[in-house]
Amino acid sequence: MKKCTMFVMVLLVAAVSVVAQGQSEDATIRVGATMQGMNDTYIRIVTNAMEERAEELGVKLSILDGEAKAEKQVAQVENLIAQDVDVIIMNPISLDGCAPAVEKAVKAGVPIFTLVSVVKNQDKCVTYVGSDAPESGKIQGEMIIADNGTSGRVALIQGPIGHDAQIGRKQGLMEAFAGTNMKIVVEQTANWQRDQALSLMENWLQAGQEFDIVVAQNDNMAMGALKAIESAGLSDSIKVYGIDATSDAKAAIEAGRLMGTVFQDAAGQGKMAIDVAVRIANGESVEDVVFIPYLPVNKSNLADF
């Protein structure tokens, strides 16, 4: 009888253990993220921080590369919905093109929020985690005026046309330039890519386009443009500015090659995205916008970054 009782107790303990294990697995927060393009230096910093924070918090995180294609990001959101994730994070490549992804998530009842950039139907997202794009452009413009005065010929290298940051950063730049004689003499997209900015700058220089200042909407493009300018022997007459404060941009500032950049806290954004996802998954309220501020960076304050 004692043996029988002991056997039953062992079975009960085992059953409780299995149930507890199942509850633990079910309690794991599952987060899916679609990123605009993993070949971008800044986005890689963001995703690395997301992965580190997810591991710290025990979050099951799946990160997908949108490869700079809005239609691919929409399809990825559909796949994440089918995988029954608890929360979706979208770093959209297009203000308009990625909007359908939000509609699909909302219809499926899966909370979705944007990271670093936004969509046109942002009001249907739970929140936005990132920085204020116009602020970065304005800071960049103010830095340029402080260095060069109120007159100059500017070549503007932009992100993908229609991208939230492309629109906002130009808006902020023009706000800073208002009332000055700073003139944009040529502008074109290089889609956040270093090689495209290098090729674009080579073409401009070979065509005899004249400008004194290059404004790149991210450091990746700034570094590509800088390489072309240096190869042409024009680094003494053309100044280059970027945004993001990536490690190679900071090294270029230290060396006196790049004039300035704007610090966008990529790691801070990545970590915050996971923190916000956890809060949403746990049913907690979050602000409509979670801003992480920009800061100007040049040789005078480089040590602070």
Protein backbone atom coordinates (compact mmCIF):
# COMPACT_ATOMS: atom_id res chain seq x y z
CA MET A 1 0.00 0.00 0.00
CA LYS A 2 2.80 2.38 0.86
CA LYS A 3 4.50 1.58 -2.46
CA CYS A 4 1.27 2.32 -4.31
CA THR A 5 0.81 5.62 -2.47
CA MET A 6 4.40 6.61 -3.19
CA PHE A 7 3.92 5.77 -6.91
CA VAL A 8 0.81 7.95 -7.11
CA MET A 9 2.64 10.84 -5.44
CA VAL A 10 5.49 10.57 -7.95
CA LEU A 11 2.98 10.70 -10.81
CA LEU A 12 1.31 13.77 -9.29
CA VAL A 13 4.63 15.58 -8.88
CA ALA A 14 5.57 14.73 -12.46
CA ALA A 15 2.19 15.97 -13.72
CA VAL A 16 2.52 19.24 -11.81
CA SER A 17 6.04 19.66 -13.21
CA VAL A 18 4.80 19.18 -16.78
CA VAL A 19 1.95 21.64 -16.27
CA ALA A 20 4.31 24.18 -14.72
CA GLN A 21 6.72 23.76 -17.59
CA GLY A 22 3.92 24.28 -20.11
CA GLN A 23 2.75 27.39 -18.28
CA SER A 24 6.31 28.75 -18.31
CA GLU A 25 6.60 28.18 -22.04
CA ASP A 26 3.21 29.77 -22.68
CA ALA A 27 4.22 32.74 -20.57
CA THR A 28 7.24 33.45 -22.78
CA ILE A 29 6.66 36.69 -24.64
CA ARG A 30 7.07 36.27 -28.38
CA VAL A 31 8.04 39.35 -30.36
CA GLY A 32 8.43 39.58 -34.12
CA ALA A 33 10.27 42.43 -35.82
CA THR A 34 10.65 43.44 -39.46
CA MET A 35 13.54 45.82 -40.11
CA GLN A 36 13.88 48.04 -43.16
CA GLY A 37 17.31 46.71 -44.18
CA MET A 38 20.00 44.84 -42.29
CA ASN A 39 22.80 46.04 -44.57
CA ASP A 40 22.52 49.50 -42.99
CA THR A 41 25.08 50.09 -40.23
CA TYR A 42 22.64 51.97 -38.04
CA ILE A 43 19.93 49.33 -38.28
CA ARG A 44 22.42 46.62 -37.35
CA ILE A 45 23.26 48.52 -34.17
CA VAL A 46 19.55 48.77 -33.37
CA THR A 47 18.94 45.06 -33.94
CA ASN A 48 22.00 44.01 -31.93
CA ALA A 49 20.66 46.00 -28.99
CA MET A 50 17.22 44.43 -29.46
CA GLU A 51 18.71 40.94 -29.35
CA GLU A 52 20.76 41.70 -26.24
CA ARG A 53 17.78 43.16 -24.40
CA ALA A 54 15.50 40.30 -25.44
CA GLU A 55 17.99 37.79 -24.08
CA GLU A 56 18.22 39.71 -20.81
CA LEU A 57 14.43 39.67 -20.39
CA GLY A 58 13.83 36.13 -21.64
CA VAL A 59 11.86 37.33 -24.66
CA LYS A 60 11.65 35.10 -27.74
CA LEU A 61 12.58 37.49 -30.54
CA SER A 62 12.41 36.92 -34.29
CA ILE A 63 14.01 39.62 -36.47
CA LEU A 64 13.38 39.69 -40.23
CA ASP A 65 15.25 41.64 -42.91
CA GLY A 66 12.93 43.69 -45.11
CA GLU A 67 15.75 44.27 -47.63
CA ALA A 68 14.52 47.83 -48.25
CA LYS A 69 11.28 46.56 -49.83
CA ALA A 70 7.94 47.72 -48.46
CA GLU A 71 6.08 44.79 -50.01
CA LYS A 72 8.45 42.36 -48.31
CA GLN A 73 7.88 43.98 -44.93
CA VAL A 74 4.11 43.71 -45.43
CA ALA A 75 4.51 40.00 -46.22
CA GLN A 76 6.74 39.56 -43.17
CA VAL A 77 4.10 41.09 -40.93
CA GLU A 78 1.58 38.62 -42.38
CA ASN A 79 3.97 35.77 -41.52
CA LEU A 80 4.47 37.05 -37.99
CA ILE A 81 0.72 37.23 -37.51
CA ALA A 82 0.46 33.60 -38.69
CA GLN A 83 3.18 32.67 -36.18
CA ASP A 84 0.94 34.03 -33.42
CA VAL A 85 3.49 36.44 -31.94
CA ASP A 86 2.37 38.62 -29.05
CA VAL A 87 3.71 41.91 -30.42
CA ILE A 88 5.06 43.10 -33.78
CA ILE A 89 7.76 45.75 -34.14
CA MET A 90 8.05 47.36 -37.57
CA ASN A 91 10.92 49.57 -38.70
CA PRO A 92 9.25 50.67 -41.95
CA ILE A 93 11.14 51.50 -45.13
CA SER A 94 8.20 53.48 -46.52
CA LEU A 95 5.69 55.87 -45.02
CA ASP A 96 3.00 54.75 -47.47
CA GLY A 97 4.20 51.36 -48.64
CA CYS A 98 4.33 49.78 -45.18
CA ALA A 99 0.96 51.13 -44.05
CA PRO A 100 -0.94 47.99 -45.21
CA ALA A 101 1.09 45.95 -42.73
CA VAL A 102 -0.43 47.96 -39.88
CA GLU A 103 -3.93 47.35 -41.24
CA LYS A 104 -3.31 43.61 -41.36
CA ALA A 105 -1.99 43.48 -37.80
CA VAL A 106 -4.86 45.55 -36.45
CA LYS A 107 -7.40 43.35 -38.24
CA ALA A 108 -5.76 40.24 -36.75
CA GLY A 109 -5.77 41.77 -33.28
CA VAL A 110 -1.99 41.73 -32.95
CA PRO A 111 -0.50 44.90 -31.40
CA ILE A 112 2.03 46.57 -33.69
CA PHE A 113 4.26 49.60 -33.20
CA THR A 114 6.89 51.38 -35.26
CA LEU A 115 10.57 51.79 -34.52
CA VAL A 116 12.92 54.55 -35.80
CA SER A 117 10.56 55.49 -38.66
CA VAL A 118 6.78 55.79 -38.99
CA VAL A 119 3.91 55.01 -41.37
CA LYS A 120 1.10 57.21 -42.67
CA ASN A 121 -1.50 55.40 -40.54
CA GLN A 122 0.63 55.77 -37.43
CA ASP A 123 -2.49 56.48 -35.36
CA LYS A 124 -3.39 52.78 -35.68
CA CYS A 125 -0.07 51.70 -34.15
CA VAL A 126 0.20 51.28 -30.39
CA THR A 127 3.16 53.67 -30.23
CA TYR A 128 6.33 54.90 -31.93
CA VAL A 129 9.78 54.33 -30.45
CA GLY A 130 12.56 56.48 -31.84
CA SER A 131 13.56 60.04 -32.42
CA ASP A 132 11.96 63.08 -34.04
CA ALA A 133 13.26 63.12 -37.64
CA PRO A 134 12.82 66.88 -38.25
CA GLU A 135 14.82 67.58 -35.08
CA SER A 136 17.85 65.78 -36.52
CA GLY A 137 17.71 67.76 -39.75
CA LYS A 138 17.38 71.01 -37.87
CA ILE A 139 20.34 70.20 -35.61
CA GLN A 140 22.39 69.27 -38.68
CA GLY A 141 21.45 72.55 -40.40
CA GLU A 142 22.28 74.63 -37.33
CA MET A 143 25.67 72.92 -37.09
CA ILE A 144 26.37 73.73 -40.73
CA ILE A 145 25.48 77.40 -40.24
CA ALA A 146 27.62 77.60 -37.12
CA ASP A 147 30.61 76.25 -39.09
CA ASN A 148 30.11 77.99 -42.42
CA GLY A 149 28.03 81.11 -41.85
CA THR A 150 24.74 81.81 -43.58
CA SER A 151 25.81 81.33 -47.21
CA GLY A 152 26.75 78.20 -49.07
CA ARG A 153 26.01 75.81 -51.92
CA VAL A 154 24.66 72.53 -50.61
CA ALA A 155 24.49 69.05 -52.14
CA LEU A 156 21.83 67.01 -50.35
CA ILE A 157 22.07 63.20 -50.32
CA GLN A 158 18.77 61.79 -49.12
CA GLY A 159 17.41 58.50 -47.85
CA PRO A 160 14.75 56.58 -49.80
CA ILE A 161 12.21 59.05 -51.16
CA GLY A 162 9.01 58.78 -49.17
CA HIS A 163 10.76 57.41 -46.08
CA ASP A 164 9.69 59.15 -42.88
CA ALA A 165 13.27 60.14 -42.01
CA GLN A 166 13.97 61.39 -45.55
CA ILE A 167 10.96 63.69 -45.37
CA GLY A 168 11.50 64.80 -41.78
CA ARG A 169 15.24 65.40 -42.00
CA LYS A 170 14.85 67.57 -45.07
CA GLN A 171 12.01 69.46 -43.36
CA GLY A 172 14.21 70.17 -40.33
CA LEU A 173 17.17 71.16 -42.52
CA MET A 174 15.08 73.65 -44.47
CA GLU A 175 13.75 75.07 -41.21
CA ALA A 176 17.32 75.71 -40.07
CA PHE A 177 18.22 77.25 -43.44
CA ALA A 178 15.19 79.57 -43.47
CA GLY A 179 16.24 83.21 -43.70
CA THR A 180 19.79 82.35 -44.81
CA ASN A 181 21.52 82.20 -48.19
CA MET A 182 22.15 78.48 -47.89
CA LYS A 183 21.01 77.01 -51.21
CA ILE A 184 20.50 73.38 -52.15
CA VAL A 185 21.96 73.21 -55.66
CA VAL A 186 21.57 69.48 -56.22
CA GLU A 187 19.78 66.66 -54.40
CA GLN A 188 19.18 62.96 -54.94
CA THR A 189 18.60 59.77 -53.00
CA ALA A 190 21.28 57.20 -52.23
CA ASN A 191 18.81 55.02 -50.28
CA TRP A 192 20.88 55.07 -47.06
CA GLN A 193 23.62 53.12 -48.90
CA ARG A 194 27.35 53.94 -48.83
CA ASP A 195 28.11 52.56 -52.28
CA GLN A 196 25.23 54.46 -53.84
CA ALA A 197 26.39 57.71 -52.20
CA LEU A 198 29.93 57.08 -53.44
CA SER A 199 28.70 56.58 -57.01
CA LEU A 200 26.36 59.56 -56.81
CA MET A 201 29.12 61.86 -55.58
CA GLU A 202 31.51 60.64 -58.27
CA ASN A 203 28.88 61.42 -60.90
CA TRP A 204 28.24 64.90 -59.52
CA LEU A 205 31.94 65.74 -59.41
CA GLN A 206 32.61 64.36 -62.88
CA ALA A 207 29.70 66.41 -64.22
CA GLY A 208 31.28 69.58 -62.80
CA GLN A 209 28.53 70.20 -60.25
CA GLU A 210 29.75 72.87 -57.83
CA PHE A 211 28.99 72.91 -54.10
CA ASP A 212 30.78 73.68 -50.84
CA ILE A 213 28.84 71.51 -48.41
CA VAL A 214 27.49 67.96 -48.55
CA VAL A 215 24.54 67.16 -46.32
CA ALA A 216 23.95 63.41 -46.05
CA GLN A 217 20.85 62.19 -44.24
CA ASN A 218 22.82 59.38 -42.59
CA ASP A 219 26.45 58.59 -41.85
CA ASN A 220 26.56 55.63 -44.21
CA MET A 221 25.96 57.96 -47.16
CA ALA A 222 28.20 60.65 -45.68
CA MET A 223 31.11 58.23 -45.58
CA GLY A 224 30.50 57.13 -49.18
CA ALA A 225 30.39 60.74 -50.36
CA LEU A 226 33.49 61.56 -48.33
CA LYS A 227 35.46 58.77 -49.99
CA ALA A 228 34.61 60.13 -53.45
CA ILE A 229 35.52 63.68 -52.44
CA GLU A 230 38.85 62.59 -50.98
CA SER A 231 39.65 60.49 -54.04
CA ALA A 232 39.03 63.58 -56.18
CA GLY A 233 41.39 65.64 -54.01
CA LEU A 234 38.61 68.03 -52.95
CA SER A 235 38.48 67.43 -49.21
CA ASP A 236 39.87 70.92 -48.49
CA SER A 237 37.07 72.66 -50.39
CA ILE A 238 34.01 70.49 -49.64
CA LYS A 239 32.74 69.83 -46.11
CA VAL A 240 30.63 66.78 -45.32
CA TYR A 241 28.01 66.27 -42.58
CA GLY A 242 26.03 63.19 -41.60
CA ILE A 243 23.50 61.89 -39.08
CA ASP A 244 23.65 58.88 -36.69
CA ALA A 245 27.09 59.14 -35.03
CA THR A 246 28.20 55.68 -36.15
CA SER A 247 31.65 54.50 -35.09
CA ASP A 248 33.31 55.13 -38.47
CA ALA A 249 31.76 58.60 -38.68
CA LYS A 250 33.10 59.46 -35.22
CA ALA A 251 36.53 58.20 -36.24
CA ALA A 252 36.35 60.43 -39.32
CA ILE A 253 35.45 63.42 -37.15
CA GLU A 254 38.39 62.67 -34.87
CA ALA A 255 40.66 62.59 -37.92
CA GLY A 256 39.26 65.89 -39.18
CA ARG A 257 37.78 64.31 -42.30
CA LEU A 258 34.06 64.60 -41.44
CA MET A 259 32.85 67.92 -40.06
CA GLY A 260 29.97 66.70 -37.94
CA THR A 261 27.10 64.31 -37.37
CA VAL A 262 24.00 64.04 -35.19
CA PHE A 263 23.85 61.43 -32.44
CA GLN A 264 20.88 59.12 -32.69
CA ASP A 265 20.92 56.56 -29.91
CA ALA A 266 20.62 53.36 -31.92
CA ALA A 267 21.33 51.06 -28.98
CA GLY A 268 18.92 53.02 -26.79
CA GLN A 269 16.20 52.71 -29.41
CA GLY A 270 16.73 48.97 -29.76
CA LYS A 271 16.60 48.32 -26.03
CA MET A 272 13.59 50.58 -25.56
CA ALA A 273 11.73 48.76 -28.35
CA ILE A 274 11.98 45.47 -26.47
CA ASP A 275 11.04 47.11 -23.16
CA VAL A 276 7.96 48.63 -24.79
CA ALA A 277 7.05 45.32 -26.46
CA VAL A 278 7.13 43.60 -23.07
CA ARG A 279 4.91 46.26 -21.54
CA ILE A 280 2.41 45.88 -24.37
CA ALA A 281 2.44 42.08 -24.10
CA ASN A 282 1.77 42.36 -20.37
CA GLY A 283 -1.22 44.59 -20.99
CA GLU A 284 0.40 47.73 -19.63
CA SER A 285 -0.30 51.16 -21.10
CA VAL A 286 2.37 52.93 -23.14
CA GLU A 287 2.73 56.48 -24.39
CA ASP A 288 1.72 57.30 -27.98
CA VAL A 289 5.31 58.33 -28.64
CA VAL A 290 8.51 57.26 -26.87
CA PHE A 291 11.12 59.82 -27.95
CA ILE A 292 14.88 59.44 -27.58
CA PRO A 293 16.52 62.84 -28.28
CA TYR A 294 19.13 63.73 -30.91
CA LEU A 295 22.36 65.56 -30.06
CA PRO A 296 24.92 67.38 -32.27
CA VAL A 297 28.39 65.84 -32.53
CA ASN A 298 31.59 67.49 -33.75
CA LYS A 299 35.24 67.48 -32.77
CA SER A 300 34.63 69.77 -29.78
CA ASN A 301 32.34 67.31 -27.97
CA LEU A 302 33.28 64.01 -29.60
CA ALA A 303 34.68 62.62 -26.33
CA ASP A 304 31.16 62.72 -24.85
CA PHE A 305 30.02 60.11 -27.36
